[in-house]
């Protein structure tokens, strides 16, 4: 999906590294989120979203510092430490084990 959007939306230009891996910066991630919102939640067509994103002022608003803070509070880029994630997975594994015992 992202590679298709890169073709359709010229504003998306991730840097490419060895092995043709793409690296997205914060601005590009915010732009991707806005494209997703326009297409899937606001009902825009790709052509309509392109037209909306061709407005430079709209792009500046999307990648503004305020929008970055709002976006990170809604869906943080980094949510927890590795230790917390590992503990959560272990707890989940234990709960699944308990359910399996009940089902047997």
PDB file of N, CA and C in Angstrom:
ATOM      1  N   UNK A   1       0.809  -1.171   0.000  1.00  0.00           N
ATOM      2  CA  UNK A   1       0.000   0.000   0.000  1.00  0.00           C
ATOM      3  C   UNK A   1       0.874   1.265   0.000  1.00  0.00           C
ATOM      4  N   UNK A   2       1.903   1.284   0.829  1.00  0.00           N
ATOM      5  CA  UNK A   2       2.746   2.477   0.901  1.00  0.00           C
ATOM      6  C   UNK A   2       3.457   2.746  -0.419  1.00  0.00           C
ATOM      7  N   UNK A   3       3.911   1.710  -1.066  1.00  0.00           N
ATOM      8  CA  UNK A   3       4.617   1.930  -2.336  1.00  0.00           C
ATOM      9  C   UNK A   3       3.656   2.468  -3.393  1.00  0.00           C
ATOM     10  N   UNK A   4       2.426   1.995  -3.356  1.00  0.00           N
ATOM     11  CA  UNK A   4       1.424   2.525  -4.284  1.00  0.00           C
ATOM     12  C   UNK A   4       1.167   3.994  -3.985  1.00  0.00           C
ATOM     13  N   UNK A   5       1.021   4.321  -2.712  1.00  0.00           N
ATOM     14  CA  UNK A   5       0.791   5.713  -2.335  1.00  0.00           C
ATOM     15  C   UNK A   5       1.981   6.586  -2.728  1.00  0.00           C
ATOM     16  N   UNK A   6       3.189   6.036  -2.652  1.00  0.00           N
ATOM     17  CA  UNK A   6       4.362   6.807  -3.085  1.00  0.00           C
ATOM     18  C   UNK A   6       4.263   7.170  -4.559  1.00  0.00           C
ATOM     19  N   UNK A   7       3.693   6.278  -5.357  1.00  0.00           N
ATOM     20  CA  UNK A   7       3.520   6.556  -6.782  1.00  0.00           C
ATOM     21  C   UNK A   7       2.438   7.603  -7.010  1.00  0.00           C
ATOM     22  N   UNK A   8       1.369   7.528  -6.239  1.00  0.00           N
ATOM     23  CA  UNK A   8       0.230   8.417  -6.423  1.00  0.00           C
ATOM     24  C   UNK A   8       0.439   9.800  -5.805  1.00  0.00           C
ATOM     25  N   UNK A   9       1.079   9.847  -4.647  1.00  0.00           N
ATOM     26  CA  UNK A   9       1.256  11.098  -3.929  1.00  0.00           C
ATOM     27  C   UNK A   9       2.731  11.487  -3.969  1.00  0.00           C
ATOM     28  N   UNK A  10       3.047  12.465  -4.785  1.00  0.00           N
ATOM     29  CA  UNK A  10       4.450  12.842  -4.990  1.00  0.00           C
ATOM     30  C   UNK A  10       5.081  13.465  -3.746  1.00  0.00           C
ATOM     31  N   UNK A  11       4.256  13.859  -2.775  1.00  0.00           N
ATOM     32  CA  UNK A  11       4.784  14.432  -1.535  1.00  0.00           C
ATOM     33  C   UNK A  11       5.513  13.379  -0.696  1.00  0.00           C
ATOM     34  N   UNK A  12       5.197  12.115  -0.914  1.00  0.00           N
ATOM     35  CA  UNK A  12       5.848  11.035  -0.167  1.00  0.00           C
ATOM     36  C   UNK A  12       7.140  10.646  -0.878  1.00  0.00           C
ATOM     37  N   UNK A  13       8.243  10.962  -0.261  1.00  0.00           N
ATOM     38  CA  UNK A  13       9.550  10.611  -0.812  1.00  0.00           C
ATOM     39  C   UNK A  13      10.447  10.093   0.308  1.00  0.00           C
ATOM     40  N   UNK A  14      10.243   8.847   0.744  1.00  0.00           N
ATOM     41  CA  UNK A  14      11.101   8.335   1.813  1.00  0.00           C
ATOM     42  C   UNK A  14      12.526   8.158   1.321  1.00  0.00           C
ATOM     43  N   UNK A  15      13.459   8.323   2.242  1.00  0.00           N
ATOM     44  CA  UNK A  15      14.845   8.075   1.849  1.00  0.00           C
ATOM     45  C   UNK A  15      15.035   6.574   1.703  1.00  0.00           C
ATOM     46  N   UNK A  16      15.873   6.213   0.754  1.00  0.00           N
ATOM     47  CA  UNK A  16      16.116   4.792   0.507  1.00  0.00           C
ATOM     48  C   UNK A  16      17.562   4.478   0.857  1.00  0.00           C
ATOM     49  N   UNK A  17      17.737   3.358   1.493  1.00  0.00           N
ATOM     50  CA  UNK A  17      19.065   2.928   1.902  1.00  0.00           C
ATOM     51  C   UNK A  17      19.413   1.621   1.205  1.00  0.00           C
ATOM     52  N   UNK A  18      20.488   1.034   1.646  1.00  0.00           N
ATOM     53  CA  UNK A  18      20.959  -0.217   1.054  1.00  0.00           C
ATOM     54  C   UNK A  18      19.834  -1.247   1.012  1.00  0.00           C
ATOM     55  N   UNK A  19      19.756  -1.980  -0.068  1.00  0.00           N
ATOM     56  CA  UNK A  19      18.721  -2.983  -0.224  1.00  0.00           C
ATOM     57  C   UNK A  19      17.372  -2.377  -0.578  1.00  0.00           C
ATOM     58  N   UNK A  20      17.374  -1.111  -0.984  1.00  0.00           N
ATOM     59  CA  UNK A  20      16.162  -0.389  -1.366  1.00  0.00           C
ATOM     60  C   UNK A  20      15.160  -0.269  -0.213  1.00  0.00           C
ATOM     61  N   UNK A  21      15.652  -0.296   1.025  1.00  0.00           N
ATOM     62  CA  UNK A  21      14.784  -0.124   2.193  1.00  0.00           C
ATOM     63  C   UNK A  21      14.389   1.329   2.307  1.00  0.00           C
ATOM     64  N   UNK A  22      13.138   1.534   2.658  1.00  0.00           N
ATOM     65  CA  UNK A  22      12.615   2.890   2.791  1.00  0.00           C
ATOM     66  C   UNK A  22      12.602   3.304   4.250  1.00  0.00           C
ATOM     67  N   UNK A  23      12.998   4.536   4.497  1.00  0.00           N
ATOM     68  CA  UNK A  23      12.990   5.110   5.844  1.00  0.00           C
ATOM     69  C   UNK A  23      12.137   6.372   5.814  1.00  0.00           C
ATOM     70  N   UNK A  24      11.090   6.360   6.618  1.00  0.00           N
ATOM     71  CA  UNK A  24      10.157   7.478   6.661  1.00  0.00           C
ATOM     72  C   UNK A  24      10.473   8.383   7.850  1.00  0.00           C
ATOM     73  N   UNK A  25      10.461   9.683   7.609  1.00  0.00           N
ATOM     74  CA  UNK A  25      10.653  10.677   8.655  1.00  0.00           C
ATOM     75  C   UNK A  25       9.299  11.000   9.281  1.00  0.00           C
ATOM     76  N   UNK A  26       9.303  11.731  10.407  1.00  0.00           N
ATOM     77  CA  UNK A  26       8.056  12.077  11.106  1.00  0.00           C
ATOM     78  C   UNK A  26       7.061  12.781  10.185  1.00  0.00           C
ATOM     79  N   UNK A  27       7.547  13.728   9.394  1.00  0.00           N
ATOM     80  CA  UNK A  27       6.659  14.466   8.490  1.00  0.00           C
ATOM     81  C   UNK A  27       5.954  13.518   7.523  1.00  0.00           C
ATOM     82  N   UNK A  28       6.701  12.561   7.005  1.00  0.00           N
ATOM     83  CA  UNK A  28       6.121  11.618   6.053  1.00  0.00           C
ATOM     84  C   UNK A  28       5.115  10.686   6.729  1.00  0.00           C
ATOM     85  N   UNK A  29       5.386  10.305   7.952  1.00  0.00           N
ATOM     86  CA  UNK A  29       4.448   9.458   8.687  1.00  0.00           C
ATOM     87  C   UNK A  29       3.152  10.212   8.946  1.00  0.00           C
ATOM     88  N   UNK A  30       3.256  11.484   9.312  1.00  0.00           N
ATOM     89  CA  UNK A  30       2.053  12.295   9.506  1.00  0.00           C
ATOM     90  C   UNK A  30       1.275  12.435   8.202  1.00  0.00           C
ATOM     91  N   UNK A  31       1.997  12.599   7.106  1.00  0.00           N
ATOM     92  CA  UNK A  31       1.353  12.710   5.804  1.00  0.00           C
ATOM     93  C   UNK A  31       0.657  11.397   5.443  1.00  0.00           C
ATOM     94  N   UNK A  32       1.286  10.277   5.729  1.00  0.00           N
ATOM     95  CA  UNK A  32       0.682   8.972   5.466  1.00  0.00           C
ATOM     96  C   UNK A  32      -0.591   8.805   6.292  1.00  0.00           C
ATOM     97  N   UNK A  33      -0.536   9.219   7.558  1.00  0.00           N
ATOM     98  CA  UNK A  33      -1.729   9.139   8.402  1.00  0.00           C
ATOM     99  C   UNK A  33      -2.852  10.009   7.846  1.00  0.00           C
ATOM    100  N   UNK A  34      -2.495  11.200   7.344  1.00  0.00           N
ATOM    101  CA  UNK A  34      -3.506  12.095   6.783  1.00  0.00           C
ATOM    102  C   UNK A  34      -4.091  11.498   5.507  1.00  0.00           C
ATOM    103  N   UNK A  35      -3.262  10.906   4.665  1.00  0.00           N
ATOM    104  CA  UNK A  35      -3.758  10.256   3.447  1.00  0.00           C
ATOM    105  C   UNK A  35      -4.735   9.144   3.828  1.00  0.00           C
ATOM    106  N   UNK A  36      -4.358   8.348   4.794  1.00  0.00           N
ATOM    107  CA  UNK A  36      -5.230   7.260   5.262  1.00  0.00           C
ATOM    108  C   UNK A  36      -6.556   7.813   5.772  1.00  0.00           C
ATOM    109  N   UNK A  37      -6.497   8.887   6.546  1.00  0.00           N
ATOM    110  CA  UNK A  37      -7.715   9.497   7.072  1.00  0.00           C
ATOM    111  C   UNK A  37      -8.606   9.990   5.934  1.00  0.00           C
ATOM    112  N   UNK A  38      -8.000  10.674   4.972  1.00  0.00           N
ATOM    113  CA  UNK A  38      -8.778  11.193   3.849  1.00  0.00           C
ATOM    114  C   UNK A  38      -9.438  10.071   3.056  1.00  0.00           C
ATOM    115  N   UNK A  39      -8.685   9.016   2.770  1.00  0.00           N
ATOM    116  CA  UNK A  39      -9.203   7.941   1.929  1.00  0.00           C
ATOM    117  C   UNK A  39     -10.202   7.039   2.648  1.00  0.00           C
ATOM    118  N   UNK A  40      -9.877   6.629   3.856  1.00  0.00           N
ATOM    119  CA  UNK A  40     -10.679   5.608   4.523  1.00  0.00           C
ATOM    120  C   UNK A  40     -11.746   6.147   5.463  1.00  0.00           C
ATOM    121  N   UNK A  41     -11.549   7.337   6.015  1.00  0.00           N
ATOM    122  CA  UNK A  41     -12.497   7.829   7.002  1.00  0.00           C
ATOM    123  C   UNK A  41     -13.319   9.020   6.499  1.00  0.00           C
ATOM    124  N   UNK A  42     -12.742   9.820   5.615  1.00  0.00           N
ATOM    125  CA  UNK A  42     -13.478  10.973   5.109  1.00  0.00           C
ATOM    126  C   UNK A  42     -14.067  10.727   3.722  1.00  0.00           C
ATOM    127  N   UNK A  43     -13.799   9.571   3.122  1.00  0.00           N
ATOM    128  CA  UNK A  43     -14.425   9.187   1.874  1.00  0.00           C
ATOM    129  C   UNK A  43     -13.876   9.832   0.618  1.00  0.00           C
ATOM    130  N   UNK A  44     -12.668  10.379   0.669  1.00  0.00           N
ATOM    131  CA  UNK A  44     -12.069  10.984  -0.517  1.00  0.00           C
ATOM    132  C   UNK A  44     -11.633   9.887  -1.486  1.00  0.00           C
ATOM    133  N   UNK A  45     -11.670  10.204  -2.767  1.00  0.00           N
ATOM    134  CA  UNK A  45     -11.051   9.338  -3.758  1.00  0.00           C
ATOM    135  C   UNK A  45      -9.567   9.689  -3.785  1.00  0.00           C
ATOM    136  N   UNK A  46      -8.778   8.905  -4.488  1.00  0.00           N
ATOM    137  CA  UNK A  46      -7.351   9.216  -4.596  1.00  0.00           C
ATOM    138  C   UNK A  46      -7.175  10.569  -5.272  1.00  0.00           C
ATOM    139  N   UNK A  47      -7.946  10.830  -6.317  1.00  0.00           N
ATOM    140  CA  UNK A  47      -7.845  12.128  -7.000  1.00  0.00           C
ATOM    141  C   UNK A  47      -8.237  13.271  -6.064  1.00  0.00           C
ATOM    142  N   UNK A  48      -9.271  13.071  -5.261  1.00  0.00           N
ATOM    143  CA  UNK A  48      -9.694  14.098  -4.313  1.00  0.00           C
ATOM    144  C   UNK A  48      -8.651  14.346  -3.238  1.00  0.00           C
ATOM    145  N   UNK A  49      -8.051  13.256  -2.747  1.00  0.00           N
ATOM    146  CA  UNK A  49      -6.997  13.390  -1.733  1.00  0.00           C
ATOM    147  C   UNK A  49      -5.781  14.098  -2.330  1.00  0.00           C
ATOM    148  N   UNK A  50      -5.456  13.779  -3.587  1.00  0.00           N
ATOM    149  CA  UNK A  50      -4.336  14.462  -4.254  1.00  0.00           C
ATOM    150  C   UNK A  50      -4.606  15.960  -4.339  1.00  0.00           C
ATOM    151  N   UNK A  51      -5.830  16.312  -4.695  1.00  0.00           N
ATOM    152  CA  UNK A  51      -6.184  17.721  -4.813  1.00  0.00           C
ATOM    153  C   UNK A  51      -6.072  18.409  -3.454  1.00  0.00           C
ATOM    154  N   UNK A  52      -6.552  17.759  -2.416  1.00  0.00           N
ATOM    155  CA  UNK A  52      -6.474  18.325  -1.068  1.00  0.00           C
ATOM    156  C   UNK A  52      -5.020  18.511  -0.645  1.00  0.00           C
ATOM    157  N   UNK A  53      -4.184  17.512  -0.952  1.00  0.00           N
ATOM    158  CA  UNK A  53      -2.782  17.569  -0.545  1.00  0.00           C
ATOM    159  C   UNK A  53      -1.931  18.469  -1.441  1.00  0.00           C
ATOM    160  N   UNK A  54      -2.478  18.930  -2.555  1.00  0.00           N
ATOM    161  CA  UNK A  54      -1.708  19.834  -3.406  1.00  0.00           C
ATOM    162  C   UNK A  54      -1.681  21.248  -2.818  1.00  0.00           C
ATOM    163  N   UNK A  55      -2.533  21.513  -1.835  1.00  0.00           N
ATOM    164  CA  UNK A  55      -2.566  22.803  -1.158  1.00  0.00           C
ATOM    165  C   UNK A  55      -1.416  22.855  -0.156  1.00  0.00           C
ATOM    166  N   UNK A  56      -0.461  23.734  -0.367  1.00  0.00           N
ATOM    167  CA  UNK A  56       0.730  23.813   0.497  1.00  0.00           C
ATOM    168  C   UNK A  56       0.384  24.180   1.931  1.00  0.00           C
ATOM    169  N   UNK A  57      -0.604  25.039   2.106  1.00  0.00           N
ATOM    170  CA  UNK A  57      -0.996  25.425   3.462  1.00  0.00           C
ATOM    171  C   UNK A  57      -1.549  24.217   4.213  1.00  0.00           C
ATOM    172  N   UNK A  58      -2.311  23.372   3.533  1.00  0.00           N
ATOM    173  CA  UNK A  58      -2.847  22.164   4.149  1.00  0.00           C
ATOM    174  C   UNK A  58      -1.713  21.248   4.593  1.00  0.00           C
ATOM    175  N   UNK A  59      -0.700  21.096   3.755  1.00  0.00           N
ATOM    176  CA  UNK A  59       0.461  20.261   4.090  1.00  0.00           C
ATOM    177  C   UNK A  59       1.176  20.828   5.309  1.00  0.00           C
ATOM    178  N   UNK A  60       1.355  22.152   5.368  1.00  0.00           N
ATOM    179  CA  UNK A  60       2.013  22.768   6.524  1.00  0.00           C
ATOM    180  C   UNK A  60       1.237  22.489   7.802  1.00  0.00           C
ATOM    181  N   UNK A  61      -0.094  22.517   7.723  1.00  0.00           N
ATOM    182  CA  UNK A  61      -0.915  22.229   8.897  1.00  0.00           C
ATOM    183  C   UNK A  61      -0.772  20.769   9.322  1.00  0.00           C
ATOM    184  N   UNK A  62      -0.701  19.873   8.339  1.00  0.00           N
ATOM    185  CA  UNK A  62      -0.586  18.440   8.628  1.00  0.00           C
ATOM    186  C   UNK A  62       0.708  18.139   9.368  1.00  0.00           C
ATOM    187  N   UNK A  63       1.800  18.802   8.994  1.00  0.00           N
ATOM    188  CA  UNK A  63       3.100  18.489   9.594  1.00  0.00           C
ATOM    189  C   UNK A  63       3.520  19.518  10.642  1.00  0.00           C
ATOM    190  N   UNK A  64       2.560  20.319  11.114  1.00  0.00           N
ATOM    191  CA  UNK A  64       2.882  21.309  12.133  1.00  0.00           C
ATOM    192  C   UNK A  64       3.231  20.625  13.454  1.00  0.00           C
ATOM    193  N   UNK A  65       3.921  21.339  14.308  1.00  0.00           N
ATOM    194  CA  UNK A  65       4.329  20.797  15.611  1.00  0.00           C
ATOM    195  C   UNK A  65       3.110  20.390  16.443  1.00  0.00           C
ATOM    196  N   UNK A  66       2.043  21.193  16.367  1.00  0.00           N
ATOM    197  CA  UNK A  66       0.816  20.877  17.102  1.00  0.00           C
ATOM    198  C   UNK A  66       0.223  19.548  16.617  1.00  0.00           C
ATOM    199  N   UNK A  67       0.222  19.359  15.311  1.00  0.00           N
ATOM    200  CA  UNK A  67      -0.321  18.122  14.739  1.00  0.00           C
ATOM    201  C   UNK A  67       0.555  16.925  15.123  1.00  0.00           C
ATOM    202  N   UNK A  68       1.856  17.128  15.186  1.00  0.00           N
ATOM    203  CA  UNK A  68       2.762  16.058  15.608  1.00  0.00           C
ATOM    204  C   UNK A  68       2.429  15.634  17.029  1.00  0.00           C
ATOM    205  N   UNK A  69       2.237  16.614  17.930  1.00  0.00           N
ATOM    206  CA  UNK A  69       1.910  16.292  19.320  1.00  0.00           C
ATOM    207  C   UNK A  69       0.571  15.570  19.412  1.00  0.00           C
ATOM    208  N   UNK A  70      -0.417  16.046  18.687  1.00  0.00           N
ATOM    209  CA  UNK A  70      -1.747  15.417  18.702  1.00  0.00           C
ATOM    210  C   UNK A  70      -1.659  13.990  18.168  1.00  0.00           C
ATOM    211  N   UNK A  71      -0.950  13.825  17.086  1.00  0.00           N
ATOM    212  CA  UNK A  71      -0.817  12.508  16.467  1.00  0.00           C
ATOM    213  C   UNK A  71      -0.114  11.530  17.386  1.00  0.00           C
ATOM    214  N   UNK A  72       0.938  11.975  18.054  1.00  0.00           N
ATOM    215  CA  UNK A  72       1.672  11.088  18.949  1.00  0.00           C
ATOM    216  C   UNK A  72       0.852  10.725  20.172  1.00  0.00           C
ATOM    217  N   UNK A  73      -0.015  11.614  20.614  1.00  0.00           N
ATOM    218  CA  UNK A  73      -0.849  11.279  21.761  1.00  0.00           C
ATOM    219  C   UNK A  73      -1.935  10.281  21.367  1.00  0.00           C
ATOM    220  N   UNK A  74      -2.401  10.356  20.112  1.00  0.00           N
ATOM    221  CA  UNK A  74      -3.422   9.422  19.646  1.00  0.00           C
ATOM    222  C   UNK A  74      -2.831   8.048  19.335  1.00  0.00           C
ATOM    223  N   UNK A  75      -1.696   8.045  18.694  1.00  0.00           N
ATOM    224  CA  UNK A  75      -1.051   6.800  18.288  1.00  0.00           C
ATOM    225  C   UNK A  75       0.447   6.997  18.366  1.00  0.00           C
ATOM    226  N   UNK A  76       1.036   6.785  19.538  1.00  0.00           N
ATOM    227  CA  UNK A  76       2.465   7.040  19.706  1.00  0.00           C
ATOM    228  C   UNK A  76       3.314   6.206  18.750  1.00  0.00           C
ATOM    229  N   UNK A  77       4.417   6.802  18.332  1.00  0.00           N
ATOM    230  CA  UNK A  77       5.337   6.074  17.453  1.00  0.00           C
ATOM    231  C   UNK A  77       6.080   4.994  18.234  1.00  0.00           C
ATOM    232  N   UNK A  78       6.395   5.263  19.475  1.00  0.00           N
ATOM    233  CA  UNK A  78       7.042   4.271  20.340  1.00  0.00           C
ATOM    234  C   UNK A  78       6.246   4.230  21.636  1.00  0.00           C
ATOM    235  N   UNK A  79       5.680   3.068  21.967  1.00  0.00           N
ATOM    236  CA  UNK A  79       4.761   3.014  23.090  1.00  0.00           C
ATOM    237  C   UNK A  79       5.373   2.493  24.371  1.00  0.00           C
ATOM    238  N   UNK A  80       6.182   1.472  24.298  1.00  0.00           N
ATOM    239  CA  UNK A  80       6.694   0.901  25.538  1.00  0.00           C
ATOM    240  C   UNK A  80       8.090   0.349  25.323  1.00  0.00           C
ATOM    241  N   UNK A  81       8.723   0.059  26.441  1.00  0.00           N
ATOM    242  CA  UNK A  81      10.071  -0.484  26.348  1.00  0.00           C
ATOM    243  C   UNK A  81      10.006  -1.963  25.994  1.00  0.00           C
ATOM    244  N   UNK A  82      11.134  -2.503  25.611  1.00  0.00           N
ATOM    245  CA  UNK A  82      11.226  -3.912  25.262  1.00  0.00           C
ATOM    246  C   UNK A  82      10.887  -4.793  26.455  1.00  0.00           C
ATOM    247  N   UNK A  83      11.319  -4.411  27.645  1.00  0.00           N
ATOM    248  CA  UNK A  83      11.039  -5.192  28.844  1.00  0.00           C
ATOM    249  C   UNK A  83       9.544  -5.255  29.111  1.00  0.00           C
ATOM    250  N   UNK A  84       8.851  -4.110  28.985  1.00  0.00           N
ATOM    251  CA  UNK A  84       7.409  -4.094  29.192  1.00  0.00           C
ATOM    252  C   UNK A  84       6.704  -4.975  28.174  1.00  0.00           C
ATOM    253  N   UNK A  85       7.120  -4.899  26.926  1.00  0.00           N
ATOM    254  CA  UNK A  85       6.525  -5.714  25.876  1.00  0.00           C
ATOM    255  C   UNK A  85       6.746  -7.192  26.165  1.00  0.00           C
ATOM    256  N   UNK A  86       7.948  -7.550  26.579  1.00  0.00           N
ATOM    257  CA  UNK A  86       8.258  -8.943  26.902  1.00  0.00           C
ATOM    258  C   UNK A  86       7.384  -9.431  28.057  1.00  0.00           C
ATOM    259  N   UNK A  87       7.223  -8.600  29.086  1.00  0.00           N
ATOM    260  CA  UNK A  87       6.383  -8.968  30.230  1.00  0.00           C
ATOM    261  C   UNK A  87       4.932  -9.129  29.814  1.00  0.00           C
ATOM    262  N   UNK A  88       4.449  -8.235  28.968  1.00  0.00           N
ATOM    263  CA  UNK A  88       3.075  -8.333  28.476  1.00  0.00           C
ATOM    264  C   UNK A  88       2.872  -9.632  27.697  1.00  0.00           C
ATOM    265  N   UNK A  89       3.842  -9.973  26.858  1.00  0.00           N
ATOM    266  CA  UNK A  89       3.738 -11.218  26.091  1.00  0.00           C
ATOM    267  C   UNK A  89       3.754 -12.438  27.005  1.00  0.00           C
ATOM    268  N   UNK A  90       4.592 -12.417  28.036  1.00  0.00           N
ATOM    269  CA  UNK A  90       4.621 -13.533  28.986  1.00  0.00           C
ATOM    270  C   UNK A  90       3.300 -13.662  29.732  1.00  0.00           C
ATOM    271  N   UNK A  91       2.721 -12.537  30.138  1.00  0.00           N
ATOM    272  CA  UNK A  91       1.417 -12.568  30.807  1.00  0.00           C
ATOM    273  C   UNK A  91       0.347 -13.129  29.878  1.00  0.00           C
ATOM    274  N   UNK A  92       0.374 -12.703  28.645  1.00  0.00           N
ATOM    275  CA  UNK A  92      -0.591 -13.182  27.665  1.00  0.00           C
ATOM    276  C   UNK A  92      -0.422 -14.683  27.438  1.00  0.00           C
ATOM    277  N   UNK A  93       0.811 -15.114  27.349  1.00  0.00           N
ATOM    278  CA  UNK A  93       1.094 -16.548  27.167  1.00  0.00           C
ATOM    279  C   UNK A  93       0.558 -17.351  28.355  1.00  0.00           C
ATOM    280  N   UNK A  94       0.743 -16.839  29.562  1.00  0.00           N
ATOM    281  CA  UNK A  94       0.227 -17.510  30.752  1.00  0.00           C
ATOM    282  C   UNK A  94      -1.283 -17.582  30.743  1.00  0.00           C
ATOM    283  N   UNK A  95      -1.937 -16.504  30.321  1.00  0.00           N
ATOM    284  CA  UNK A  95      -3.394 -16.495  30.253  1.00  0.00           C
ATOM    285  C   UNK A  95      -3.896 -17.491  29.223  1.00  0.00           C
ATOM    286  N   UNK A  96      -3.216 -17.581  28.099  1.00  0.00           N
ATOM    287  CA  UNK A  96      -3.597 -18.569  27.081  1.00  0.00           C
ATOM    288  C   UNK A  96      -3.437 -19.990  27.606  1.00  0.00           C
ATOM    289  N   UNK A  97      -2.363 -20.211  28.369  1.00  0.00           N
ATOM    290  CA  UNK A  97      -2.147 -21.520  28.981  1.00  0.00           C
ATOM    291  C   UNK A  97      -3.267 -21.879  29.934  1.00  0.00           C
ATOM    292  N   UNK A  98      -3.717 -20.916  30.738  1.00  0.00           N
ATOM    293  CA  UNK A  98      -4.829 -21.141  31.673  1.00  0.00           C
ATOM    294  C   UNK A  98      -6.110 -21.487  30.920  1.00  0.00           C
ATOM    295  N   UNK A  99      -6.356 -20.778  29.824  1.00  0.00           N
ATOM    296  CA  UNK A  99      -7.544 -21.063  29.014  1.00  0.00           C
ATOM    297  C   UNK A  99      -7.466 -22.463  28.426  1.00  0.00           C
ATOM    298  N   UNK A 100      -6.301 -22.857  27.979  1.00  0.00           N
ATOM    299  CA  UNK A 100      -6.112 -24.193  27.415  1.00  0.00           C
ATOM    300  C   UNK A 100      -6.388 -25.262  28.450  1.00  0.00           C
ATOM    301  N   UNK A 101      -5.927 -25.050  29.698  1.00  0.00           N
ATOM    302  CA  UNK A 101      -6.197 -26.018  30.786  1.00  0.00           C
ATOM    303  C   UNK A 101      -7.689 -26.140  31.043  1.00  0.00           C
ATOM    304  N   UNK A 102      -8.394 -25.022  31.013  1.00  0.00           N
ATOM    305  CA  UNK A 102      -9.846 -25.051  31.237  1.00  0.00           C
ATOM    306  C   UNK A 102     -10.559 -25.820  30.131  1.00  0.00           C
ATOM    307  N   UNK A 103     -10.120 -25.634  28.906  1.00  0.00           N
ATOM    308  CA  UNK A 103     -10.744 -26.292  27.771  1.00  0.00           C
ATOM    309  C   UNK A 103     -10.486 -27.796  27.716  1.00  0.00           C
ATOM    310  N   UNK A 104      -9.385 -28.255  28.340  1.00  0.00           N
ATOM    311  CA  UNK A 104      -9.066 -29.678  28.335  1.00  0.00           C
ATOM    312  C   UNK A 104      -9.924 -30.344  29.329  1.00  0.00           C
TER     313      UNK A 104
END
